[in-house]
Amino acid sequence: MINIKKFVKNAIIEDNGRGDLFFDVAPKGRFTARVICKSDGILAGIQYARVLARTEKFDCKFLKNDGDVLRKGDVIAELEGKASILLSSERTFLNMLQHASGIATQANKYAKMIEDTGVVLLDTRKTRPQLRDFEKYASRVGGAINHRLGLDDCLMLKDTHLRTIENLAEFVKKARKRISWVTKIEIECETFEQVKEAMAAGGDIIMCDNMTPEQIREVVAFRNKEYPHILLEASGNINFETIREYAMTGVDAISSGSIIHQATWLDFSMKFD
């Protein structure tokens, strides 16, 4: 909650600058307004919007919850407060809801495609700077599970890391003595030969990066026979058209950065009564 409060305060400062010029000339008294959905999707952002309302001291009653399905014309929230406060908060309030709801909607589309397969849908660290917590919260609301929140979550050895390592098995052995006992090591592989090396080296998770479904099925068969304890993640240019085929290969998880960076904002508006 501390991070949300800080995020909200910074967003208010960003929009208000040296102060809203409407503030000193705004009509007196209290006004009511509604937030209306103008496109279909999944709602997210309430957790942040409520903090904004408390911070700016206006009443906010949400008629929907995070994760609810939205239809065009739905009333999302009812607001009451001074005109100056409601109007100075309008854009930041809507931006949070629209941005988060766009990501939740995108994540939900992917999640629906594989919901009956038992495969976990993961987001990635491809988030906008300073917005990781916010965007990954929205991803969760839509049905995805967070991959790493940061470099301290899991030791992931991607292709760029591997180019600096001469002996993978020795490196993993050394890493086990340095990192937390409960921290996993994930190794990115692009070929079957790399997979065999990474599994033999002691990786906990193998990321099958930019492999075809046929290649991944071969990896799954090898894993099931030789290293059944190792988790498999498919990643790399997986989209709506291909995600289900990848899910049927037998992997444990599929990650996609497009859940966040390809999401389109939903359209909301605030209307005064």
Protein backbone atom coordinates (compact mmCIF):
# COMPACT_ATOMS: atom_id res chain seq x y z
CA MET A 1 0.00 0.00 0.00
CA ILE A 2 2.95 2.35 0.65
CA ASN A 3 4.06 2.01 -2.97
CA ILE A 4 0.51 2.68 -4.20
CA LYS A 5 0.26 5.86 -2.12
CA LYS A 6 3.60 7.06 -3.45
CA PHE A 7 2.58 6.22 -7.01
CA VAL A 8 -0.72 8.07 -6.68
CA LYS A 9 0.85 11.16 -5.13
CA ASN A 10 3.46 11.34 -7.90
CA ALA A 11 0.73 10.99 -10.53
CA ILE A 12 -1.22 13.87 -8.97
CA ILE A 13 1.87 16.08 -8.84
CA GLU A 14 2.69 15.24 -12.45
CA ASP A 15 -0.72 16.40 -13.69
CA ASN A 16 -1.25 19.39 -11.40
CA GLY A 17 2.13 21.00 -11.92
CA ARG A 18 2.14 24.27 -9.94
CA GLY A 19 -1.61 23.96 -9.41
CA ASP A 20 -4.82 23.54 -11.39
CA LEU A 21 -5.76 26.95 -12.81
CA PHE A 22 -9.45 26.06 -12.49
CA PHE A 23 -9.13 25.65 -8.72
CA ASP A 24 -9.54 29.31 -7.69
CA VAL A 25 -12.47 29.99 -10.02
CA ALA A 26 -14.37 26.71 -9.60
CA PRO A 27 -18.06 26.85 -8.55
CA LYS A 28 -18.67 26.26 -4.85
CA GLY A 29 -20.60 23.37 -3.40
CA ARG A 30 -20.55 19.63 -3.94
CA PHE A 31 -21.22 17.88 -7.22
CA THR A 32 -21.84 14.29 -8.30
CA ALA A 33 -20.43 12.48 -11.31
CA ARG A 34 -20.31 9.03 -12.82
CA VAL A 35 -17.54 7.08 -14.53
CA ILE A 36 -18.94 5.34 -17.60
CA CYS A 37 -17.43 2.55 -19.66
CA LYS A 38 -17.39 3.15 -23.42
CA SER A 39 -15.86 -0.17 -24.50
CA ASP A 40 -16.08 -3.85 -23.51
CA GLY A 41 -13.38 -5.46 -21.41
CA ILE A 42 -12.19 -6.40 -17.92
CA LEU A 43 -12.06 -3.82 -15.13
CA ALA A 44 -8.85 -3.17 -13.19
CA GLY A 45 -7.31 -0.24 -11.35
CA ILE A 46 -9.77 0.09 -8.49
CA GLN A 47 -7.07 -0.54 -5.89
CA TYR A 48 -5.21 2.54 -7.14
CA ALA A 49 -8.26 4.68 -7.88
CA ARG A 50 -9.55 4.28 -4.32
CA VAL A 51 -6.25 5.55 -2.94
CA LEU A 52 -6.50 8.55 -5.25
CA ALA A 53 -10.01 9.31 -3.99
CA ARG A 54 -8.89 9.12 -0.36
CA THR A 55 -5.83 11.24 -1.07
CA GLU A 56 -7.81 13.96 -2.84
CA LYS A 57 -10.71 13.67 -0.39
CA PHE A 58 -13.69 12.97 -2.61
CA ASP A 59 -16.29 10.24 -2.20
CA CYS A 60 -16.04 7.31 -4.58
CA LYS A 61 -18.45 4.37 -4.72
CA PHE A 62 -17.46 1.64 -7.17
CA LEU A 63 -20.34 -0.35 -8.65
CA LYS A 64 -17.96 -2.94 -10.10
CA ASN A 65 -14.98 -4.89 -8.78
CA ASP A 66 -11.53 -5.58 -10.17
CA GLY A 67 -11.85 -8.47 -12.63
CA ASP A 68 -15.51 -7.81 -13.51
CA VAL A 69 -16.59 -7.97 -17.14
CA LEU A 70 -17.49 -4.55 -18.53
CA ARG A 71 -19.93 -3.72 -21.30
CA LYS A 72 -20.24 -0.45 -23.16
CA GLY A 73 -22.52 1.86 -21.18
CA ASP A 74 -21.83 0.33 -17.76
CA VAL A 75 -21.51 2.77 -14.87
CA ILE A 76 -18.30 1.88 -13.05
CA ALA A 77 -18.32 4.38 -10.20
CA GLU A 78 -20.28 7.23 -8.62
CA LEU A 79 -18.30 10.22 -7.35
CA GLU A 80 -19.15 13.15 -5.10
CA GLY A 81 -17.05 16.12 -4.04
CA LYS A 82 -16.02 19.68 -4.77
CA ALA A 83 -15.97 20.54 -8.46
CA SER A 84 -12.36 21.69 -8.21
CA ILE A 85 -11.25 18.38 -6.71
CA LEU A 86 -13.25 16.13 -9.02
CA LEU A 87 -12.04 17.95 -12.12
CA SER A 88 -8.40 18.16 -11.08
CA SER A 89 -8.47 14.42 -10.33
CA GLU A 90 -10.44 13.40 -13.42
CA ARG A 91 -7.62 12.62 -15.85
CA THR A 92 -5.38 10.82 -13.36
CA PHE A 93 -8.34 8.82 -12.04
CA LEU A 94 -9.41 7.77 -15.53
CA ASN A 95 -5.86 7.10 -16.73
CA MET A 96 -5.30 4.60 -13.93
CA LEU A 97 -8.53 2.75 -14.65
CA GLN A 98 -8.16 2.79 -18.43
CA HIS A 99 -4.53 1.70 -18.44
CA ALA A 100 -5.02 -1.09 -15.90
CA SER A 101 -8.24 -2.29 -17.53
CA GLY A 102 -6.56 -2.48 -20.93
CA ILE A 103 -3.88 -4.78 -19.55
CA ALA A 104 -6.41 -6.87 -17.62
CA THR A 105 -8.48 -7.25 -20.77
CA GLN A 106 -5.46 -8.35 -22.80
CA ALA A 107 -4.36 -10.82 -20.11
CA ASN A 108 -7.87 -12.22 -19.87
CA LYS A 109 -8.00 -12.90 -23.63
CA TYR A 110 -4.81 -14.94 -23.39
CA ALA A 111 -5.92 -16.71 -20.21
CA LYS A 112 -9.23 -17.76 -21.76
CA MET A 113 -7.38 -19.40 -24.64
CA ILE A 114 -5.62 -21.88 -22.34
CA GLU A 115 -7.81 -22.00 -19.23
CA ASP A 116 -8.66 -25.69 -19.69
CA THR A 117 -5.07 -26.85 -20.27
CA GLY A 118 -3.59 -26.43 -16.80
CA VAL A 119 -0.77 -24.32 -18.25
CA VAL A 120 0.15 -21.18 -16.29
CA LEU A 121 0.05 -17.86 -18.16
CA LEU A 122 2.95 -15.57 -17.17
CA ASP A 123 3.69 -11.94 -17.88
CA THR A 124 7.27 -10.61 -18.21
CA ARG A 125 9.50 -7.70 -17.15
CA LYS A 126 8.65 -5.86 -20.37
CA THR A 127 6.90 -3.09 -18.48
CA ARG A 128 7.07 0.68 -18.69
CA PRO A 129 9.73 2.22 -16.41
CA GLN A 130 8.35 3.06 -12.95
CA LEU A 131 5.07 1.26 -13.73
CA ARG A 132 6.01 -2.38 -13.06
CA ASP A 133 3.98 -2.88 -9.88
CA PHE A 134 0.97 -1.15 -11.44
CA GLU A 135 1.10 -3.04 -14.74
CA LYS A 136 1.76 -6.42 -13.15
CA TYR A 137 -1.13 -5.84 -10.74
CA ALA A 138 -3.38 -5.27 -13.76
CA SER A 139 -2.01 -8.41 -15.40
CA ARG A 140 -2.93 -10.46 -12.32
CA VAL A 141 -6.45 -9.06 -12.32
CA GLY A 142 -6.84 -10.29 -15.89
CA GLY A 143 -5.81 -13.83 -15.06
CA ALA A 144 -2.06 -13.98 -15.60
CA ILE A 145 0.53 -14.90 -12.98
CA ASN A 146 3.49 -12.62 -12.44
CA HIS A 147 6.86 -13.83 -13.66
CA ARG A 148 9.78 -11.99 -12.05
CA LEU A 149 8.97 -8.63 -10.52
CA GLY A 150 12.67 -7.82 -10.65
CA LEU A 151 16.17 -9.22 -11.00
CA ASP A 152 16.11 -10.31 -7.36
CA ASP A 153 13.22 -12.78 -7.77
CA CYS A 154 14.95 -15.53 -9.69
CA LEU A 155 18.37 -16.04 -11.23
CA MET A 156 17.57 -16.16 -14.92
CA LEU A 157 20.36 -16.90 -17.37
CA LYS A 158 19.34 -15.55 -20.76
CA ASP A 159 21.31 -15.84 -24.00
CA THR A 160 23.25 -12.68 -23.16
CA HIS A 161 24.24 -14.06 -19.76
CA LEU A 162 25.23 -17.40 -21.23
CA ARG A 163 27.69 -15.74 -23.60
CA THR A 164 29.70 -14.66 -20.54
CA ILE A 165 29.75 -18.14 -18.98
CA GLU A 166 32.37 -20.69 -20.03
CA ASN A 167 31.22 -23.67 -17.96
CA LEU A 168 27.49 -23.68 -17.20
CA ALA A 169 27.59 -26.55 -14.69
CA GLU A 170 30.35 -24.90 -12.67
CA PHE A 171 28.55 -21.57 -12.79
CA VAL A 172 25.29 -23.06 -11.47
CA LYS A 173 27.21 -24.86 -8.72
CA LYS A 174 28.83 -21.57 -7.68
CA ALA A 175 25.51 -19.71 -7.86
CA ARG A 176 23.85 -22.22 -5.53
CA LYS A 177 26.33 -21.23 -2.84
CA ARG A 178 25.66 -17.50 -3.28
CA ILE A 179 21.93 -17.08 -3.79
CA SER A 180 19.13 -17.88 -1.35
CA TRP A 181 18.43 -21.58 -0.85
CA VAL A 182 14.79 -21.10 -1.96
CA THR A 183 15.65 -19.10 -5.10
CA LYS A 184 15.22 -20.86 -8.42
CA ILE A 185 17.57 -20.77 -11.39
CA GLU A 186 15.99 -20.47 -14.84
CA ILE A 187 18.01 -21.01 -18.01
CA GLU A 188 16.98 -19.83 -21.47
CA CYS A 189 17.51 -22.31 -24.30
CA GLU A 190 16.96 -22.05 -28.03
CA THR A 191 17.99 -25.58 -29.08
CA PHE A 192 17.56 -29.12 -27.82
CA GLU A 193 21.31 -29.38 -27.20
CA GLN A 194 21.17 -26.30 -24.97
CA VAL A 195 18.25 -27.83 -23.10
CA LYS A 196 20.21 -31.01 -22.33
CA GLU A 197 23.18 -28.98 -21.12
CA ALA A 198 21.01 -26.72 -18.94
CA MET A 199 19.16 -29.62 -17.36
CA ALA A 200 22.36 -31.51 -16.65
CA ALA A 201 23.82 -28.31 -15.12
CA GLY A 202 21.03 -28.21 -12.55
CA GLY A 203 18.57 -25.60 -13.75
CA ASP A 204 15.21 -25.52 -11.99
CA ILE A 205 13.30 -24.01 -14.91
CA ILE A 206 14.08 -24.23 -18.60
CA MET A 207 12.75 -21.49 -20.86
CA CYS A 208 12.19 -22.79 -24.38
CA ASP A 209 12.76 -19.56 -26.26
CA ASN A 210 11.53 -19.11 -29.83
CA MET A 211 11.14 -22.86 -30.32
CA THR A 212 8.44 -24.38 -32.49
CA PRO A 213 5.74 -26.54 -30.86
CA GLU A 214 7.40 -29.58 -32.44
CA GLN A 215 10.74 -28.72 -30.85
CA ILE A 216 9.11 -28.16 -27.48
CA ARG A 217 7.33 -31.51 -27.59
CA GLU A 218 10.74 -33.12 -27.99
CA VAL A 219 11.99 -31.17 -24.96
CA VAL A 220 8.92 -32.19 -22.93
CA ALA A 221 9.46 -35.88 -23.73
CA PHE A 222 13.11 -35.65 -22.69
CA ARG A 223 12.23 -33.77 -19.49
CA ASN A 224 9.54 -36.28 -18.54
CA LYS A 225 11.97 -39.17 -18.93
CA GLU A 226 15.20 -37.73 -17.51
CA TYR A 227 14.38 -34.72 -15.30
CA PRO A 228 10.68 -34.80 -14.27
CA HIS A 229 11.28 -32.26 -11.48
CA ILE A 230 12.29 -29.48 -13.90
CA LEU A 231 9.68 -26.93 -14.98
CA LEU A 232 9.34 -25.89 -18.63
CA GLU A 233 8.35 -22.44 -19.85
CA ALA A 234 7.59 -21.57 -23.48
CA SER A 235 8.33 -18.03 -24.61
CA GLY A 236 9.04 -15.94 -27.67
CA ASN A 237 6.57 -14.45 -30.17
CA ILE A 238 3.63 -16.47 -28.87
CA ASN A 239 0.34 -14.80 -29.84
CA PHE A 240 -3.43 -15.42 -29.87
CA GLU A 241 -3.14 -17.64 -32.92
CA THR A 242 -0.43 -19.90 -31.50
CA ILE A 243 -0.77 -19.89 -27.72
CA ARG A 244 -3.14 -22.83 -27.52
CA GLU A 245 -0.88 -24.99 -29.71
CA TYR A 246 2.02 -24.21 -27.40
CA ALA A 247 -0.10 -24.99 -24.34
CA MET A 248 -0.85 -28.43 -25.74
CA THR A 249 2.86 -29.36 -25.96
CA GLY A 250 3.06 -30.26 -22.28
CA VAL A 251 4.92 -27.21 -20.95
CA ASP A 252 4.15 -25.94 -17.47
CA ALA A 253 3.93 -22.25 -18.32
CA ILE A 254 3.79 -19.80 -21.21
CA SER A 255 5.12 -16.26 -20.88
CA SER A 256 4.19 -13.31 -23.06
CA GLY A 257 5.33 -9.70 -22.86
CA SER A 258 2.46 -8.66 -25.13
CA ILE A 259 0.04 -9.13 -22.23
CA ILE A 260 1.30 -5.75 -21.07
CA HIS A 261 3.15 -3.94 -23.84
CA GLN A 262 0.57 -4.69 -26.57
CA ALA A 263 -2.48 -3.90 -24.43
CA THR A 264 -4.86 -1.16 -25.61
CA TRP A 265 -6.48 1.11 -23.06
CA LEU A 266 -10.19 0.79 -22.49
CA ASP A 267 -12.28 3.93 -23.04
CA PHE A 268 -13.87 5.46 -19.93
CA SER A 269 -15.32 8.92 -19.32
CA MET A 270 -16.45 10.98 -16.37
CA LYS A 271 -19.83 12.68 -16.66
CA PHE A 272 -21.24 15.21 -14.20
CA ASP A 273 -24.88 14.74 -13.19
